[in-house]
Amino acid sequence: MNVLQISESDAGGGAARTALRLHRELRRSGHAARMLVGRRQTADGDVRLLKRGPGWRAADRACSSLLDPLGLQYVLYPSSFGVAGDPWFRQADVVQLHNTHGSYFSHTALPFLSRRKPVVWFLHDQWALTGHVAYSLDCERWRHGCGSCPYLAEYPALPRDTSAALWRWKRTVYRHARLTLVTPSRWLAQLAGESPLLRRFRIEVVPNGVDLSVFRPAPRPTDRPTVLFAAADLADRRKGASVLREALARLGDLDFDLAVAGGRPPDLGRPVRALGRLDEPGMAAAYAAADVFVLPSLAENLSNALVEALACATPCLAFDVGGNPDLVRHGNTGLLVPPGDAGALAASLRRLLSDAELRGRLGDGARRLAERELSIELQARRLAALYGELLAG
């Protein structure tokens, strides 16, 4: 089978890492796998830029300079229609989309492209069903048309409130598109099924996977426990660093190391061991050395960080939001606490740091879950089966 993936990038954030892992596993398992990306960051010979020539880039810049100041975000990039003429697109049996937001692709081209090839859209966040935000947080306006957006500054930010117009434009585009949707979490699948924009499409749940030979348990240091906090963008308000700081302030009597991976550490109110940005083997070593992985995110789909930590048999502590319950099975692979509750986060962290037997039991459960449901091989097989079903009609 020949699979073409379209992604904002082939490295960087969680969506890009998911796309690259899937691309490599499909290729390893015998499929022809290629990627068109907005930003190329690897040397993979089967990955190249979506915008192949200066003419397409100039046309996109012209449209962007006209439409972006009006708040008409991602409405028109001519190069997205040009994908249909790309040899990799013409040779593909199926097209797998990832994040289409990111100033490289226009969803307006979806009807045009999906009438030429089966298109599977992997939803990494809520953007496809909202006026503009990737995560709606406590806002429910996406259920009936957006407008009066309380989160204009949230990614991807808008210069003015055009959220209702953008929501209506998505409705028009989707009415003429032929799409199959995949979400990694049951939470996002439920929202997509409730969305006036997306509920007409078939929706499947396929969790993210990792290479279990890379992300695996290793002996832990025994001198003092380590808590790990990691995210691709630690400064993102959604990742909850401010809530974690509040929780840590209640644990001043406990002796433990705090390690932070993913760029410059935020101020967490206590000394941290900054690990910086790590490659996959480096992250695997960090998870495996940690006694607890804490994810204080206020909104998540299916966190790659949680998947990776579980695979390394590291107990996880997270808020009960989004897709977190799919991974953090309370009392089995980790602990869940009420969203945004710094006191509950502190109490559960204290419990984990004070009970080595509990950590061991949760870590064993975490690895079992990863082996059963979270391998990259299983994710690729599930998606390949879906592709085959679509091609068979």
Protein backbone atom coordinates (compact mmCIF):
# COMPACT_ATOMS: atom_id res chain seq x y z
CA MET A 1 0.00 0.00 0.00
CA ASN A 2 1.22 3.51 -0.81
CA VAL A 3 0.49 5.98 2.02
CA LEU A 4 1.10 9.71 1.80
CA GLN A 5 1.03 11.65 5.06
CA ILE A 6 0.61 15.42 5.19
CA SER A 7 1.85 17.09 8.36
CA GLU A 8 2.87 20.54 9.55
CA SER A 9 6.30 19.11 10.37
CA ASP A 10 8.21 15.85 10.65
CA ALA A 11 9.62 16.69 14.10
CA GLY A 12 8.98 19.09 16.96
CA GLY A 13 5.61 18.90 18.68
CA GLY A 14 3.56 15.87 19.59
CA ALA A 15 1.54 15.73 16.36
CA ALA A 16 4.69 15.86 14.23
CA ARG A 17 6.38 13.13 16.28
CA THR A 18 3.29 10.94 15.94
CA ALA A 19 3.28 11.45 12.17
CA LEU A 20 6.98 10.62 11.81
CA ARG A 21 6.73 7.51 13.99
CA LEU A 22 3.80 6.27 11.95
CA HIS A 23 5.59 7.07 8.68
CA ARG A 24 8.65 5.06 9.70
CA GLU A 25 6.65 2.11 11.02
CA LEU A 26 4.53 1.90 7.87
CA ARG A 27 7.71 1.86 5.82
CA ARG A 28 9.34 -0.73 8.09
CA SER A 29 6.30 -2.99 7.76
CA GLY A 30 6.53 -3.01 3.96
CA HIS A 31 4.29 -0.16 2.82
CA ALA A 32 5.42 2.68 0.57
CA ALA A 33 5.38 5.64 2.96
CA ARG A 34 6.01 9.30 2.17
CA MET A 35 5.41 12.64 3.88
CA LEU A 36 4.72 16.15 2.64
CA VAL A 37 5.38 18.71 5.36
CA GLY A 38 5.23 22.43 5.96
CA ARG A 39 8.59 22.41 7.78
CA ARG A 40 11.16 19.70 7.10
CA GLN A 41 13.43 19.00 10.06
CA THR A 42 14.79 15.52 9.40
CA ALA A 43 16.99 14.09 6.66
CA ASP A 44 14.51 11.33 5.81
CA GLY A 45 14.58 10.85 2.04
CA ASP A 46 10.86 10.06 1.97
CA VAL A 47 9.97 13.44 3.49
CA ARG A 48 9.91 16.71 1.58
CA LEU A 49 8.28 20.11 1.60
CA LEU A 50 4.67 20.41 0.50
CA LYS A 51 5.34 23.74 -1.24
CA ARG A 52 7.73 22.66 -3.95
CA GLY A 53 8.35 25.85 -5.91
CA PRO A 54 8.70 29.61 -5.43
CA GLY A 55 5.48 30.23 -7.34
CA TRP A 56 3.37 28.32 -4.82
CA ARG A 57 5.14 29.99 -1.91
CA ALA A 58 4.60 33.44 -3.40
CA ALA A 59 0.90 32.75 -3.98
CA ASP A 60 0.49 31.53 -0.41
CA ARG A 61 2.27 34.59 0.99
CA ALA A 62 0.02 36.89 -1.03
CA CYS A 63 -3.13 35.21 0.25
CA SER A 64 -1.81 35.16 3.80
CA SER A 65 -0.90 38.85 3.76
CA LEU A 66 -4.43 39.69 2.61
CA LEU A 67 -6.49 37.28 4.73
CA ASP A 68 -4.56 36.92 8.01
CA PRO A 69 -5.04 40.56 9.12
CA LEU A 70 -8.77 40.06 8.54
CA GLY A 71 -8.75 37.06 10.87
CA LEU A 72 -9.50 34.61 8.02
CA GLN A 73 -6.99 32.10 9.26
CA TYR A 74 -5.83 29.32 6.89
CA VAL A 75 -8.80 29.95 4.57
CA LEU A 76 -6.76 29.92 1.35
CA TYR A 77 -3.31 28.66 0.44
CA PRO A 78 -3.25 27.88 -3.29
CA SER A 79 -0.45 25.35 -2.79
CA SER A 80 -2.90 23.07 -0.95
CA PHE A 81 -4.81 22.60 -4.21
CA GLY A 82 -1.49 22.06 -5.97
CA VAL A 83 -0.92 18.94 -3.87
CA ALA A 84 -3.21 17.09 -6.29
CA GLY A 85 -0.57 17.50 -9.00
CA ASP A 86 2.30 16.27 -6.84
CA PRO A 87 3.69 12.91 -8.04
CA TRP A 88 3.62 11.56 -4.49
CA PHE A 89 -0.08 12.39 -4.23
CA ARG A 90 -0.85 10.85 -7.62
CA GLN A 91 0.99 7.65 -6.68
CA ALA A 92 -0.64 7.34 -3.24
CA ASP A 93 -3.43 4.89 -2.49
CA VAL A 94 -4.53 6.83 0.58
CA VAL A 95 -3.74 10.21 2.13
CA GLN A 96 -3.31 10.58 5.89
CA LEU A 97 -3.68 14.14 7.17
CA HIS A 98 -2.38 15.28 10.53
CA ASN A 99 -2.60 18.85 11.89
CA THR A 100 -3.71 21.10 9.05
CA HIS A 101 -3.38 24.28 11.12
CA GLY A 102 0.06 25.85 11.21
CA SER A 103 0.16 28.25 8.23
CA TYR A 104 1.11 25.63 5.65
CA PHE A 105 -2.16 24.05 4.47
CA SER A 106 -5.71 25.21 3.82
CA HIS A 107 -8.65 23.02 4.78
CA THR A 108 -10.52 24.68 1.92
CA ALA A 109 -8.76 22.17 -0.35
CA LEU A 110 -10.23 19.15 1.44
CA PRO A 111 -13.19 18.64 -0.95
CA PHE A 112 -10.87 18.93 -3.96
CA LEU A 113 -8.32 16.45 -2.60
CA SER A 114 -10.77 13.99 -1.03
CA ARG A 115 -12.53 13.47 -4.36
CA ARG A 116 -9.26 12.23 -5.81
CA LYS A 117 -7.98 9.98 -3.02
CA PRO A 118 -9.36 8.47 0.19
CA VAL A 119 -8.45 10.94 2.95
CA VAL A 120 -8.04 9.96 6.59
CA TRP A 121 -7.71 12.90 8.99
CA PHE A 122 -5.95 12.18 12.28
CA LEU A 123 -7.22 14.74 14.80
CA HIS A 124 -4.54 15.70 17.31
CA ASP A 125 -6.66 18.40 18.97
CA GLN A 126 -10.04 20.16 18.70
CA TRP A 127 -9.15 22.62 15.94
CA ALA A 128 -11.23 20.84 13.28
CA LEU A 129 -14.44 21.35 15.27
CA THR A 130 -13.94 24.87 16.69
CA GLY A 131 -13.84 28.31 15.14
CA HIS A 132 -10.11 28.56 15.72
CA VAL A 133 -8.71 27.17 18.99
CA ALA A 134 -6.87 23.88 19.34
CA TYR A 135 -8.41 23.40 22.80
CA SER A 136 -11.70 25.00 23.81
CA LEU A 137 -11.01 24.59 27.56
CA ASP A 138 -14.28 25.50 29.31
CA CYS A 139 -15.92 27.08 26.24
CA GLU A 140 -18.79 25.18 24.62
CA ARG A 141 -19.57 27.62 21.79
CA TRP A 142 -18.23 25.16 19.21
CA ARG A 143 -21.43 23.18 19.72
CA HIS A 144 -23.58 25.84 18.06
CA GLY A 145 -21.41 28.09 15.91
CA CYS A 146 -18.72 29.87 17.98
CA GLY A 147 -18.57 33.68 18.09
CA SER A 148 -17.83 35.95 21.07
CA CYS A 149 -14.69 33.86 21.54
CA PRO A 150 -13.24 34.10 25.07
CA TYR A 151 -9.89 32.70 23.93
CA LEU A 152 -8.77 34.77 20.95
CA ALA A 153 -5.17 34.71 22.22
CA GLU A 154 -5.08 30.92 22.55
CA TYR A 155 -3.25 28.97 19.85
CA PRO A 156 -3.74 29.53 17.01
CA ALA A 157 -4.44 33.15 17.96
CA LEU A 158 -6.75 35.47 16.03
CA PRO A 159 -6.28 39.26 15.61
CA ARG A 160 -10.06 39.77 15.79
CA ASP A 161 -13.10 37.68 16.57
CA THR A 162 -13.89 35.92 13.32
CA SER A 163 -14.50 32.60 15.08
CA ALA A 164 -18.15 32.39 13.98
CA ALA A 165 -17.25 33.07 10.34
CA LEU A 166 -14.44 30.50 10.45
CA TRP A 167 -16.77 27.93 12.03
CA ARG A 168 -19.34 28.49 9.26
CA TRP A 169 -16.63 28.23 6.60
CA LYS A 170 -15.51 24.88 8.02
CA ARG A 171 -19.13 23.71 7.88
CA THR A 172 -19.32 24.64 4.20
CA VAL A 173 -16.02 22.94 3.40
CA TYR A 174 -16.81 19.74 5.29
CA ARG A 175 -20.20 19.39 3.61
CA HIS A 176 -18.40 18.83 0.33
CA ALA A 177 -15.52 16.70 1.66
CA ARG A 178 -15.21 12.93 1.92
CA LEU A 179 -13.29 12.22 5.10
CA THR A 180 -12.66 9.47 7.60
CA LEU A 181 -11.66 10.77 11.01
CA VAL A 182 -9.28 9.12 13.46
CA THR A 183 -8.73 10.31 17.01
CA PRO A 184 -6.25 8.84 19.48
CA SER A 185 -8.59 9.31 22.46
CA ARG A 186 -12.16 8.36 23.28
CA TRP A 187 -12.65 11.90 24.59
CA LEU A 188 -11.99 13.56 21.23
CA ALA A 189 -13.99 10.91 19.39
CA GLN A 190 -16.96 11.76 21.58
CA LEU A 191 -16.59 15.49 20.93
CA ALA A 192 -16.26 14.90 17.19
CA GLY A 193 -19.42 12.80 17.28
CA GLU A 194 -21.24 15.64 19.05
CA SER A 195 -19.88 18.33 16.72
CA PRO A 196 -22.31 19.81 14.17
CA LEU A 197 -19.30 20.04 11.85
CA LEU A 198 -17.87 16.53 12.12
CA ARG A 199 -20.60 14.13 13.20
CA ARG A 200 -21.48 13.24 9.59
CA PHE A 201 -18.12 11.49 9.16
CA ARG A 202 -16.99 8.04 10.22
CA ILE A 203 -14.91 8.33 13.41
CA GLU A 204 -12.42 5.72 14.63
CA VAL A 205 -10.24 5.64 17.77
CA VAL A 206 -6.62 4.57 17.27
CA PRO A 207 -4.30 5.41 20.21
CA ASN A 208 -0.81 6.76 19.62
CA GLY A 209 1.98 4.22 19.85
CA VAL A 210 5.70 4.25 20.61
CA ASP A 211 8.66 1.97 19.97
CA LEU A 212 8.62 -0.25 23.05
CA SER A 213 12.23 -1.28 22.44
CA VAL A 214 13.28 2.37 22.94
CA PHE A 215 10.79 3.38 25.62
CA ARG A 216 11.29 0.61 28.16
CA PRO A 217 11.99 0.19 31.87
CA ALA A 218 15.50 0.45 33.30
CA PRO A 219 16.92 0.22 36.83
CA ARG A 220 16.20 3.38 38.83
CA PRO A 221 18.56 5.17 41.21
CA THR A 222 17.69 4.35 44.81
CA ASP A 223 19.10 7.34 46.71
CA ARG A 224 16.19 9.80 46.52
CA PRO A 225 13.04 9.81 44.39
CA THR A 226 12.79 11.88 41.21
CA VAL A 227 9.73 13.62 39.81
CA LEU A 228 9.81 14.37 36.08
CA PHE A 229 7.84 17.12 34.31
CA ALA A 230 8.17 17.28 30.52
CA ALA A 231 6.43 18.98 27.60
CA ALA A 232 7.31 20.11 24.09
CA ASP A 233 6.44 23.69 25.11
CA LEU A 234 6.85 24.21 28.84
CA ALA A 235 5.74 27.85 28.53
CA ASP A 236 2.33 26.87 27.13
CA ARG A 237 -0.26 27.88 29.75
CA ARG A 238 -2.23 24.75 28.93
CA LYS A 239 0.61 22.56 30.22
CA GLY A 240 -0.14 23.70 33.77
CA ALA A 241 3.25 24.82 35.10
CA SER A 242 1.57 27.42 37.34
CA VAL A 243 -0.64 24.77 38.96
CA LEU A 244 2.37 22.49 39.43
CA ARG A 245 4.25 25.32 41.13
CA GLU A 246 1.35 25.80 43.54
CA ALA A 247 1.29 22.07 44.29
CA LEU A 248 5.05 21.87 44.84
CA ALA A 249 4.86 24.73 47.34
CA ARG A 250 2.91 22.37 49.59
CA LEU A 251 5.65 19.73 49.53
CA GLY A 252 8.52 21.69 51.04
CA ASP A 253 9.00 19.06 53.74
CA LEU A 254 9.67 16.26 51.22
CA ASP A 255 13.13 15.43 49.91
CA PHE A 256 13.05 14.66 46.17
CA ASP A 257 14.64 15.73 42.90
CA LEU A 258 12.62 17.63 40.31
CA ALA A 259 13.72 17.09 36.70
CA VAL A 260 12.33 19.11 33.79
CA ALA A 261 12.67 18.23 30.10
CA GLY A 262 11.60 20.22 27.05
CA GLY A 263 13.39 23.54 26.84
CA ARG A 264 13.92 26.28 29.38
CA PRO A 265 12.27 25.28 32.67
CA PRO A 266 9.54 27.56 34.03
CA ASP A 267 9.79 28.92 37.57
CA LEU A 268 8.47 26.08 39.71
CA GLY A 269 9.42 27.59 43.05
CA ARG A 270 12.13 25.05 43.87
CA PRO A 271 15.46 23.90 42.38
CA VAL A 272 15.14 21.84 39.22
CA ARG A 273 17.48 19.68 37.18
CA ALA A 274 17.09 21.03 33.65
CA LEU A 275 17.45 18.26 31.07
CA GLY A 276 16.80 20.45 28.03
CA ARG A 277 15.42 19.11 24.77
CA LEU A 278 16.17 15.42 24.40
CA ASP A 279 15.99 12.95 21.53
CA GLU A 280 13.92 9.78 21.92
CA PRO A 281 16.64 7.68 23.62
CA GLY A 282 17.36 10.60 25.95
CA MET A 283 13.70 11.02 26.85
CA ALA A 284 13.36 7.28 27.39
CA ALA A 285 16.28 7.38 29.83
CA ALA A 286 14.71 10.34 31.65
CA TYR A 287 11.35 8.58 32.04
CA ALA A 288 12.98 5.33 33.13
CA ALA A 289 15.05 7.13 35.79
CA ALA A 290 12.04 8.98 37.22
CA ASP A 291 9.96 7.58 40.05
CA VAL A 292 6.91 9.66 39.08
CA PHE A 293 5.93 11.47 35.89
CA VAL A 294 3.61 14.42 36.50
CA LEU A 295 1.49 15.95 33.74
CA PRO A 296 -0.42 18.97 35.12
CA SER A 297 -1.98 19.87 31.74
CA LEU A 298 -5.33 21.61 31.87
CA ALA A 299 -6.33 20.11 28.50
CA GLU A 300 -4.96 17.13 26.57
CA ASN A 301 -5.98 14.83 23.76
CA LEU A 302 -3.79 11.73 24.12
CA SER A 303 -0.46 12.88 25.52
CA ASN A 304 2.63 11.38 23.87
CA ALA A 305 4.48 12.12 27.10
CA LEU A 306 2.08 9.91 29.05
CA VAL A 307 2.38 7.12 26.48
CA GLU A 308 6.18 7.29 26.67
CA ALA A 309 6.25 7.38 30.47
CA LEU A 310 3.90 4.40 30.76
CA ALA A 311 6.07 2.41 28.35
CA CYS A 312 9.03 3.07 30.69
CA ALA A 313 7.01 1.69 33.64
CA THR A 314 6.87 5.11 35.28
CA PRO A 315 3.76 5.83 37.39
CA CYS A 316 1.89 8.86 36.06
CA LEU A 317 0.02 11.62 37.88
CA ALA A 318 -2.33 13.78 35.83
CA PHE A 319 -5.53 15.76 35.87
CA ASP A 320 -8.72 13.98 34.88
CA VAL A 321 -9.11 15.84 31.59
CA GLY A 322 -9.40 14.94 27.91
CA GLY A 323 -7.84 11.64 26.96
CA ASN A 324 -5.80 11.27 30.16
CA PRO A 325 -8.15 8.61 31.63
CA ASP A 326 -7.49 6.43 28.56
CA LEU A 327 -3.88 6.14 29.75
CA VAL A 328 -3.82 6.93 33.46
CA ARG A 329 -6.08 4.19 34.79
CA HIS A 330 -6.56 5.39 38.35
CA GLY A 331 -4.97 2.98 40.80
CA ASN A 332 -3.65 0.78 37.99
CA THR A 333 -1.15 2.82 35.91
CA GLY A 334 -1.14 6.04 37.91
CA LEU A 335 -3.35 8.51 39.73
CA LEU A 336 -5.89 11.03 38.42
CA VAL A 337 -6.94 14.16 40.30
CA PRO A 338 -9.68 16.76 39.67
CA PRO A 339 -8.76 19.27 36.94
CA GLY A 340 -6.77 22.28 38.12
CA ASP A 341 -6.83 21.21 41.80
CA ALA A 342 -3.34 22.03 43.10
CA GLY A 343 -4.16 20.67 46.55
CA ALA A 344 -5.22 17.29 45.17
CA LEU A 345 -2.17 17.24 42.90
CA ALA A 346 0.10 17.86 45.90
CA ALA A 347 -1.63 15.21 48.02
CA SER A 348 -1.33 12.56 45.31
CA LEU A 349 2.30 13.45 44.64
CA ARG A 350 3.01 13.13 48.36
CA ARG A 351 1.31 9.74 48.37
CA LEU A 352 3.38 8.48 45.45
CA LEU A 353 6.68 9.77 46.82
CA SER A 354 5.98 8.19 50.19
CA ASP A 355 4.98 4.73 48.96
CA ALA A 356 7.57 2.78 46.96
CA GLU A 357 5.34 -0.31 46.87
CA LEU A 358 2.52 1.69 45.26
CA ARG A 359 4.93 3.15 42.70
CA GLY A 360 6.15 -0.33 41.82
CA ARG A 361 2.64 -1.70 41.37
CA LEU A 362 1.54 1.25 39.23
CA GLY A 363 4.72 1.03 37.16
CA ASP A 364 4.09 -2.64 36.42
CA GLY A 365 0.54 -1.82 35.36
CA ALA A 366 1.82 1.00 33.17
CA ARG A 367 4.16 -1.24 31.22
CA ARG A 368 1.49 -3.91 30.81
CA LEU A 369 -0.88 -1.33 29.34
CA ALA A 370 1.81 -0.11 26.94
CA GLU A 371 2.60 -3.64 25.76
CA ARG A 372 -1.07 -4.41 25.27
CA GLU A 373 -2.31 -1.21 23.61
CA LEU A 374 0.40 1.38 22.93
CA SER A 375 3.02 -0.03 20.56
CA ILE A 376 3.75 1.78 17.31
CA GLU A 377 3.37 -1.58 15.53
CA LEU A 378 -0.22 -1.89 16.75
CA GLN A 379 -1.06 1.70 15.79
CA ALA A 380 0.30 1.17 12.27
CA ARG A 381 -1.55 -2.15 11.86
CA ARG A 382 -4.83 -0.58 12.95
CA LEU A 383 -4.45 2.31 10.53
CA ALA A 384 -3.30 0.06 7.68
CA ALA A 385 -6.40 -2.08 8.22
CA LEU A 386 -8.55 1.06 8.03
CA TYR A 387 -6.81 2.16 4.82
CA GLY A 388 -7.41 -1.26 3.29
CA GLU A 389 -11.07 -1.15 4.23
CA LEU A 390 -11.48 2.26 2.60
CA LEU A 391 -9.74 1.10 -0.57
CA ALA A 392 -11.94 -1.98 -0.74
CA GLY A 393 -14.97 0.31 -0.75
